[in-house]
Amino acid sequence: MLEWLWIFRIFILIGITIFTIGQIAGTPDGEYAAYIWFTIGLLATWIISLRIASLQNNQGNESQSLFSRLIKGVVVMLPNIGTLIPLVFMVFVSSKIKAILETDYINMPTKYFWFNKFVFFLIVLQLFILHKFYDTENKANILEGVENSNRALYLISLIFFSILSCAAAVELYVITTSFITDG
C-alpha cells in the first residue's frame, strides 16, 4: 500500500516543479497547474485513508460500537479534508484571478507575490505532513495493535496549517481584487 504514497510524493514533486518553473518564467499559469496537480495527488491519499480506516475497523474490534468505529474512520479521513479545503480554495482563487494576472502580472504589488509564495509553502508543508501522517498510520496498521503516538500532533498541525492557508489565500484574493479596483 505504500506504493500509493510514492504516487502522492511524485505528484507533490511535479507540482513543486511546475510552480517553480512558473515563478522563474514569470507566468501565473504555473500556480494554477501546481494546485491542480496537488489536488489530483491527494486522491492517492484517499485510497490510503480508506484502507487504513477499513483495517482499523476489522482488527479485533467486534466489541466496539458502530459510533466508535465511525469516529476512528473520521479521524483517519479528517487530514484529507483539512488539506483538500485550502487546495480547492486556491484552485478557485487561481481560476478567478487568472484573467487579471494574465493581463497585468508584472505590475502586481509585491505583497501579492509574498502571499502567493507563503500560501504555496503552507500547502506544500501540509502535503508533507499528510504524507508522514499516512506513512506512520500505515506502519501502525501493519504492526497491528501498535498505536501511532504522533497522531494528535499530525492532526493538530494539519488543522492549524489548513486554517492558516485559507486565511492567507483569502488575503491573496483581497490583494488581487483591491489591485484591480485601485485600492
Protein backbone atom coordinates (compact mmCIF):
# COMPACT_ATOMS: atom_id res chain seq x y z
CA MET A 1 0.00 0.00 0.00
CA LEU A 2 3.00 2.26 0.37
CA GLU A 3 3.15 2.45 -3.43
CA TRP A 4 0.24 4.89 -3.27
CA LEU A 5 2.32 7.15 -1.08
CA TRP A 6 5.04 7.12 -3.74
CA ILE A 7 2.45 8.27 -6.27
CA PHE A 8 1.43 11.03 -3.87
CA ARG A 9 5.09 12.06 -3.48
CA ILE A 10 5.55 12.16 -7.25
CA PHE A 11 2.53 14.44 -7.63
CA ILE A 12 3.91 16.74 -4.93
CA LEU A 13 7.27 16.95 -6.69
CA ILE A 14 5.63 17.60 -10.07
CA GLY A 15 3.53 20.38 -8.53
CA ILE A 16 6.57 21.96 -6.88
CA THR A 17 8.47 21.79 -10.18
CA ILE A 18 5.61 23.37 -12.12
CA PHE A 19 5.23 26.17 -9.56
CA THR A 20 8.99 26.84 -9.56
CA ILE A 21 9.17 26.96 -13.34
CA GLY A 22 6.16 29.29 -13.42
CA GLN A 23 7.79 31.60 -10.88
CA ILE A 24 11.08 31.66 -12.77
CA ALA A 25 9.34 32.24 -16.10
CA GLY A 26 7.08 34.90 -14.59
CA THR A 27 3.82 33.29 -15.70
CA PRO A 28 0.80 32.81 -13.44
CA ASP A 29 -0.24 29.55 -15.12
CA GLY A 30 2.26 27.56 -13.07
CA GLU A 31 0.44 28.30 -9.82
CA TYR A 32 -2.90 27.08 -11.13
CA ALA A 33 -1.38 23.91 -12.62
CA ALA A 34 0.58 23.15 -9.44
CA TYR A 35 -2.52 23.31 -7.26
CA ILE A 36 -4.39 21.05 -9.66
CA TRP A 37 -1.52 18.52 -9.55
CA PHE A 38 -1.57 18.64 -5.75
CA THR A 39 -5.32 18.04 -5.73
CA ILE A 40 -5.01 15.07 -8.07
CA GLY A 41 -2.18 13.68 -5.97
CA LEU A 42 -4.36 13.94 -2.91
CA LEU A 43 -6.58 11.24 -4.41
CA ALA A 44 -3.81 8.74 -3.73
CA THR A 45 -4.10 9.51 -0.03
CA TRP A 46 -7.85 8.87 -0.19
CA ILE A 47 -7.07 5.29 -1.16
CA ILE A 48 -4.59 5.00 1.71
CA SER A 49 -7.02 6.51 4.21
CA LEU A 50 -9.85 4.23 3.15
CA ARG A 51 -7.56 1.23 3.57
CA ILE A 52 -6.39 2.39 6.99
CA ALA A 53 -9.96 3.03 8.12
CA SER A 54 -11.08 -0.41 6.99
CA LEU A 55 -8.11 -2.11 8.67
CA GLN A 56 -8.76 -0.28 11.93
CA ASN A 57 -12.39 -1.37 11.88
CA ASN A 58 -11.51 -5.01 11.20
CA GLN A 59 -8.73 -5.54 13.76
CA GLY A 60 -10.43 -7.38 16.61
CA ASN A 61 -12.93 -4.62 17.27
CA GLU A 62 -16.09 -6.74 17.39
CA SER A 63 -16.86 -5.38 20.85
CA GLN A 64 -16.74 -1.73 19.72
CA SER A 65 -19.89 0.15 18.89
CA LEU A 66 -20.72 1.49 15.48
CA PHE A 67 -20.18 5.05 16.77
CA SER A 68 -16.61 4.36 17.93
CA ARG A 69 -15.82 2.71 14.59
CA LEU A 70 -17.17 5.76 12.75
CA ILE A 71 -15.07 8.09 14.91
CA LYS A 72 -11.93 6.12 14.03
CA GLY A 73 -12.78 6.37 10.35
CA VAL A 74 -13.40 10.11 10.59
CA VAL A 75 -10.09 10.66 12.37
CA VAL A 76 -8.29 8.94 9.50
CA MET A 77 -10.22 10.85 6.81
CA LEU A 78 -10.07 14.27 8.51
CA PRO A 79 -6.49 15.13 7.39
CA ASN A 80 -7.51 14.68 3.75
CA ILE A 81 -10.40 17.06 4.13
CA GLY A 82 -8.24 19.54 6.04
CA THR A 83 -5.72 19.53 3.21
CA LEU A 84 -8.28 19.48 0.43
CA ILE A 85 -10.09 22.63 1.61
CA PRO A 86 -7.16 25.05 1.08
CA LEU A 87 -6.23 23.29 -2.16
CA VAL A 88 -9.71 23.64 -3.60
CA PHE A 89 -9.85 27.22 -2.36
CA MET A 90 -6.54 28.04 -4.09
CA VAL A 91 -7.71 26.38 -7.31
CA PHE A 92 -10.82 28.56 -7.08
CA VAL A 93 -8.84 31.73 -6.31
CA SER A 94 -6.31 30.97 -9.06
CA SER A 95 -9.06 30.45 -11.61
CA LYS A 96 -10.86 33.64 -10.55
CA ILE A 97 -7.78 35.86 -10.74
CA LYS A 98 -6.19 34.16 -13.75
CA ALA A 99 -7.53 36.74 -16.20
CA ILE A 100 -6.26 39.58 -14.01
CA LEU A 101 -2.83 38.03 -13.72
CA GLU A 102 -2.54 37.35 -17.44
CA THR A 103 -3.11 41.00 -18.27
CA ASP A 104 -1.10 42.69 -15.51
CA TYR A 105 1.13 40.11 -13.77
CA ILE A 106 4.26 42.26 -13.77
CA ASN A 107 2.54 45.23 -12.11
CA MET A 108 1.06 43.28 -9.20
CA PRO A 109 2.06 44.61 -5.77
CA THR A 110 4.93 42.87 -4.01
CA LYS A 111 2.53 41.83 -1.25
CA TYR A 112 0.76 39.62 -3.79
CA PHE A 113 3.94 37.72 -4.63
CA TRP A 114 4.83 37.32 -0.95
CA PHE A 115 1.40 35.92 -0.06
CA ASN A 116 1.39 33.73 -3.15
CA LYS A 117 4.66 32.06 -2.13
CA PHE A 118 3.53 31.91 1.50
CA VAL A 119 0.30 30.06 0.62
CA PHE A 120 2.24 27.71 -1.63
CA PHE A 121 4.75 27.00 1.15
CA LEU A 122 1.96 26.29 3.65
CA ILE A 123 0.17 23.93 1.30
CA VAL A 124 3.37 22.05 0.46
CA LEU A 125 4.12 21.80 4.18
CA GLN A 126 0.63 20.41 4.73
CA LEU A 127 1.16 17.85 1.99
CA PHE A 128 4.42 16.66 3.54
CA ILE A 129 2.79 16.39 6.98
CA LEU A 130 -0.12 14.49 5.42
CA HIS A 131 2.34 12.09 3.77
CA LYS A 132 4.09 11.47 7.06
CA PHE A 133 0.76 11.00 8.85
CA TYR A 134 -0.39 8.28 6.46
CA ASP A 135 3.03 6.69 6.42
CA THR A 136 3.01 6.26 10.21
CA GLU A 137 -0.67 5.22 10.26
CA ASN A 138 0.00 2.59 7.62
CA LYS A 139 3.03 1.26 9.53
CA ALA A 140 0.99 1.15 12.75
CA ASN A 141 -1.72 -0.87 10.99
CA ILE A 142 0.82 -3.28 9.53
CA LEU A 143 2.16 -3.96 13.03
CA GLU A 144 -1.43 -4.48 14.33
CA GLY A 145 -2.18 -3.14 17.74
CA VAL A 146 0.55 -0.51 17.68
CA GLU A 147 -0.90 2.95 18.16
CA ASN A 148 0.51 5.92 16.24
CA SER A 149 1.89 8.02 19.09
CA ASN A 150 2.15 11.15 16.92
CA ARG A 151 -1.41 11.05 15.54
CA ALA A 152 -2.65 14.01 17.60
CA LEU A 153 0.39 16.09 16.67
CA TYR A 154 -0.15 15.44 12.95
CA LEU A 155 -3.87 16.20 13.17
CA ILE A 156 -3.38 19.44 15.09
CA SER A 157 -0.65 20.64 12.75
CA LEU A 158 -2.76 19.83 9.68
CA ILE A 159 -5.74 21.71 11.09
CA PHE A 160 -3.54 24.67 12.05
CA PHE A 161 -1.88 24.87 8.63
CA SER A 162 -5.23 24.43 6.91
CA ILE A 163 -6.68 27.43 8.73
CA LEU A 164 -3.52 29.45 8.11
CA SER A 165 -3.50 28.50 4.40
CA CYS A 166 -7.14 29.50 3.96
CA ALA A 167 -6.58 32.82 5.73
CA ALA A 168 -3.54 33.59 3.58
CA ALA A 169 -5.45 32.59 0.44
CA VAL A 170 -8.27 34.96 1.37
CA GLU A 171 -5.70 37.72 1.83
CA LEU A 172 -4.23 36.86 -1.57
CA TYR A 173 -7.67 37.18 -3.14
CA VAL A 174 -8.28 40.50 -1.37
CA ILE A 175 -4.92 41.87 -2.54
CA THR A 176 -5.72 40.93 -6.13
CA THR A 177 -9.25 42.31 -6.16
CA SER A 178 -8.16 45.53 -4.48
CA PHE A 179 -5.43 45.87 -7.10
CA ILE A 180 -7.91 45.73 -9.97
CA THR A 181 -10.22 48.22 -8.27
CA ASP A 182 -7.31 50.56 -7.45
CA GLY A 183 -7.38 50.02 -3.72
